[in-house]
Protein backbone atom coordinates (compact mmCIF):
# COMPACT_ATOMS: atom_id res chain seq x y z
CA MET A 1 24.13 88.27 59.30
CA VAL A 2 24.62 86.12 62.81
CA ASP A 3 24.82 88.13 66.30
CA ASP A 4 24.69 86.26 69.46
CA SER A 5 22.85 83.21 67.27
CA LEU A 6 20.07 85.63 66.14
CA LEU A 7 19.90 86.26 62.42
CA SER A 8 18.99 89.48 60.48
CA ALA A 9 19.08 90.89 57.07
CA PRO A 10 21.95 93.56 56.20
CA LYS A 11 20.14 96.86 56.86
CA ALA A 12 20.34 100.91 55.99
CA GLU A 13 19.01 103.47 59.14
CA ILE A 14 17.98 107.01 58.83
CA LEU A 15 17.58 108.36 62.48
CA TYR A 16 16.21 111.93 62.99
CA TRP A 17 17.34 114.22 66.02
CA GLU A 18 15.65 117.48 66.12
CA ASP A 19 17.53 120.25 67.95
CA PRO A 20 16.24 121.08 70.98
CA ASN A 21 17.43 124.97 70.37
CA LYS A 22 16.22 125.09 67.22
CA LEU A 23 20.21 125.23 65.87
CA ARG A 24 20.77 121.98 63.46
CA ASP A 25 18.67 119.08 63.32
CA ILE A 26 20.24 116.12 62.43
CA ILE A 27 19.18 112.89 60.14
CA LEU A 28 21.64 109.95 60.34
CA ILE A 29 22.32 107.45 57.83
CA THR A 30 24.41 104.05 58.83
CA ALA A 31 23.81 100.65 57.19
CA ASP A 32 25.35 97.25 58.14
CA ALA A 33 27.21 96.92 54.92
CA GLN A 34 27.18 98.61 51.61
CA SER A 35 26.72 96.51 48.20
CA LEU A 36 29.11 94.64 46.69
CA SER A 37 28.57 95.41 43.01
CA PRO A 38 29.05 99.15 41.49
CA ARG A 39 25.24 99.33 40.24
CA GLY A 40 23.93 98.74 43.61
CA ILE A 41 25.87 101.60 45.56
CA TYR A 42 24.70 103.59 42.99
CA LYS A 43 21.75 102.52 43.20
CA ILE A 44 21.65 102.92 47.22
CA SER A 45 23.62 106.24 46.93
CA ASP A 46 20.68 107.98 44.32
CA PHE A 47 17.88 106.67 46.80
CA LEU A 48 19.32 108.44 49.84
CA CYS A 49 20.32 111.36 47.98
CA GLU A 50 16.34 111.81 47.19
CA ILE A 51 15.57 111.44 50.81
CA ILE A 52 18.05 113.91 51.65
CA HIS A 53 16.57 116.28 49.24
CA GLN A 54 13.07 115.48 50.53
CA TYR A 55 14.10 116.93 53.90
CA GLN A 56 15.55 120.16 52.63
CA ILE A 57 19.56 118.71 54.37
CA LYS A 58 21.72 121.50 53.51
CA LEU A 59 24.98 119.84 54.49
CA ILE A 60 26.21 116.20 54.08
CA ILE A 61 28.81 115.29 56.02
CA ALA A 62 30.42 111.63 55.12
CA LEU A 63 32.17 109.92 57.46
CA GLY A 64 35.27 107.11 56.48
CA ALA A 65 38.61 105.36 57.00
CA TYR A 66 41.57 106.76 55.11
CA PRO A 67 43.95 103.20 54.49
CA VAL A 68 48.01 104.23 55.02
CA ASN A 69 51.15 102.12 55.77
CA ARG A 70 51.44 101.50 59.27
CA ARG A 71 54.74 102.92 59.11
CA LYS A 72 53.65 106.26 58.22
CA ILE A 73 51.26 106.47 61.25
CA ASN A 74 53.29 108.00 63.65
CA SER A 75 51.05 109.42 66.68
CA LYS A 76 48.62 107.87 68.95
CA VAL A 77 45.78 110.74 67.82
CA PRO A 78 44.92 109.50 64.11
CA LYS A 79 44.99 111.98 61.35
CA ILE A 80 42.19 112.90 59.64
CA TYR A 81 41.53 114.25 56.18
CA ILE A 82 38.99 115.77 54.28
CA SER A 83 37.42 116.52 50.93
CA SER A 84 34.44 118.63 49.90
CA THR A 85 31.90 119.48 47.01
CA ASN A 86 32.88 122.53 47.81
CA ARG A 87 35.96 125.04 47.31
CA LYS A 88 34.83 127.71 49.68
CA LEU A 89 34.12 125.24 52.24
CA LEU A 90 36.86 122.75 51.92
CA GLY A 91 39.23 126.08 52.90
CA GLN A 92 37.08 127.15 56.20
CA TYR A 93 38.36 124.00 57.20
CA LEU A 94 40.94 123.61 56.47
CA MET A 95 42.05 126.84 57.66
CA GLU A 96 40.32 126.62 61.24
CA ASN A 97 41.15 122.65 61.94
CA ASN A 98 44.16 120.51 61.83
CA TYR A 99 42.46 118.39 59.19
CA LYS A 100 45.08 117.07 56.16
CA LYS A 101 43.89 117.37 51.53
CA ILE A 102 43.54 114.64 49.95
CA GLN A 103 45.62 115.43 46.62
CA LYS A 104 45.11 112.80 44.93
CA GLY A 105 42.66 109.62 44.52
CA VAL A 106 39.02 108.07 44.98
CA ILE A 107 36.73 107.58 47.57
CA ILE A 108 34.77 104.32 47.97
CA GLY A 109 32.07 103.63 48.29
CA ALA A 110 28.52 105.76 48.67
CA ASN A 111 30.85 108.18 51.67
CA GLY A 112 31.88 109.67 48.93
CA LEU A 113 29.11 109.04 45.96
CA ILE A 114 26.58 110.35 47.97
CA PRO A 115 28.10 114.00 48.37
CA THR A 116 28.64 114.10 44.73
CA LEU A 117 25.70 112.57 43.60
CA ALA A 118 23.45 115.47 45.92
CA LYS A 119 25.76 117.70 44.64
CA ALA A 120 25.10 116.97 41.18
CA ARG A 121 21.92 116.81 41.24
CA PHE A 122 20.40 119.13 43.97
CA ASP A 123 23.77 121.55 44.83
CA ILE A 124 23.48 120.38 48.18
CA ASP A 125 27.06 120.75 49.99
CA GLY A 126 29.16 117.33 51.44
CA LEU A 127 32.31 117.18 53.50
CA VAL A 128 33.85 113.93 53.50
CA PHE A 129 36.04 113.55 56.70
CA LEU A 130 38.24 110.12 56.84
CA ALA A 131 40.37 109.00 59.80
CA GLU A 132 43.57 107.36 58.74
CA THR A 133 43.73 103.62 59.46
CA ASP A 134 45.97 100.69 58.51
CA ASN A 135 45.65 99.12 55.31
CA LEU A 136 47.62 95.68 55.95
CA ALA A 137 43.73 95.69 58.62
CA ILE A 138 42.04 96.00 56.31
CA VAL A 139 43.57 93.77 53.69
CA ASN A 140 43.23 90.71 56.94
CA GLU A 141 39.46 91.76 56.92
CA ASP A 142 40.31 93.26 60.78
CA ILE A 143 38.09 96.54 59.94
CA THR A 144 37.54 97.15 62.92
CA ASP A 145 39.42 100.62 63.69
CA LEU A 146 37.83 102.13 67.57
CA ARG A 147 41.19 104.83 66.99
CA ALA A 148 39.90 106.08 63.66
CA SER A 149 36.60 105.88 65.12
CA ILE A 150 36.36 107.45 67.99
CA THR A 151 38.48 110.17 66.36
CA LEU A 152 36.23 110.37 64.00
CA LEU A 153 33.24 111.56 67.10
CA GLU A 154 35.18 113.94 68.78
CA MET A 155 36.17 115.96 65.79
CA LEU A 156 32.79 116.11 64.71
CA LYS A 157 31.61 116.88 68.74
CA LYS A 158 34.06 120.01 68.64
CA SER A 159 33.91 120.90 64.67
CA PHE A 160 29.80 120.99 64.54
CA THR A 161 28.50 121.57 68.19
CA LEU A 162 27.18 118.18 68.23
CA PRO A 163 25.55 116.65 71.37
CA ILE A 164 27.86 113.42 71.26
CA LYS A 165 28.11 111.38 74.77
CA LYS A 166 31.48 110.80 75.29
CA LYS A 167 31.42 106.89 76.09
CA TYR A 168 34.43 106.03 74.79
CA SER A 169 37.51 107.81 74.52
CA LEU A 170 41.52 107.88 73.14
CA GLU A 171 42.87 107.56 77.03
CA ASN A 172 39.98 104.21 77.13
CA ILE A 173 41.35 102.48 74.20
CA ASP A 174 43.17 100.30 75.17
CA ASP A 175 40.80 98.56 77.46
CA ILE A 176 38.00 98.80 74.66
CA THR A 177 40.05 96.34 71.79
CA LYS A 178 40.93 94.30 74.51
CA ASN A 179 37.90 93.49 75.68
CA LEU A 180 36.73 93.12 71.79
CA GLN A 181 39.61 90.88 71.14
CA VAL A 182 39.19 88.57 73.81
CA LYS A 183 35.03 87.91 72.41
CA ARG A 184 36.53 87.65 68.74
CA ASP A 185 38.59 84.90 69.94
CA GLN A 186 36.29 83.48 72.07
CA LEU A 187 33.69 83.78 68.60
CA GLU A 188 36.45 81.78 66.43
CA LYS A 189 36.74 79.18 69.30
CA ASP A 190 33.28 78.68 68.92
CA LEU A 191 33.40 78.14 65.45
CA ASP A 192 36.46 76.10 65.31
CA SER A 193 35.06 73.52 67.64
CA LEU A 194 31.77 73.09 65.34
CA GLN A 195 32.33 70.09 63.58
CA LEU A 196 30.53 68.64 60.16
CA ILE A 197 28.84 65.84 60.51
CA ASP A 198 29.22 62.85 57.19
CA ALA A 199 25.91 62.62 56.12
CA ASP A 200 26.78 59.21 54.84
CA ASP A 201 26.89 57.95 58.74
CA LYS A 202 24.60 60.59 60.78
CA GLN A 203 22.02 60.95 57.30
CA LYS A 204 22.53 64.71 58.12
CA SER A 205 24.81 67.58 57.89
CA LEU A 206 25.17 70.64 59.90
CA TYR A 207 25.41 73.91 57.65
CA ILE A 208 26.05 77.66 58.97
């Protein structure tokens, strides 16, 4: 991966936060990317489940996107869809919040597999929250949906009383998106300006 001309390998990080009030400690797992193969996804998911069990985690919360047709997104606040490995837990959150059930479908990737494996192997309950996003943007590889991400963060803060600072909000989402688009346009312009050098003329080539 390249960021501001610095090379780095894709990585997964495990972060730990100890609650000073002794109410709920948090282990946060995040990654730059997922494995491209089903075998790779199963392998990393199983490895993370072992760690989750080792640290005696009581509840897994997974976050992700729920792609829908843009014409069905009729609100500035994305809907949140919920799934769970525990029927009673699912009913509790559906009753207390304005979440939507997932009637049929498949949750692709580690955010669906980790809660499933953890429940099957170690009887650890899991919740999966998916914020609706434009499926056309995903097809076009424009997969950064800040509106969906901020909606999930605000949900976590409210539903689980987590100490999440409100650095971003839906109110200033347009400004944030505009700034990101400017940076993206500049990056594309920089890449377009690069030209391959004819190896026969210059005895060397430029590779990215």
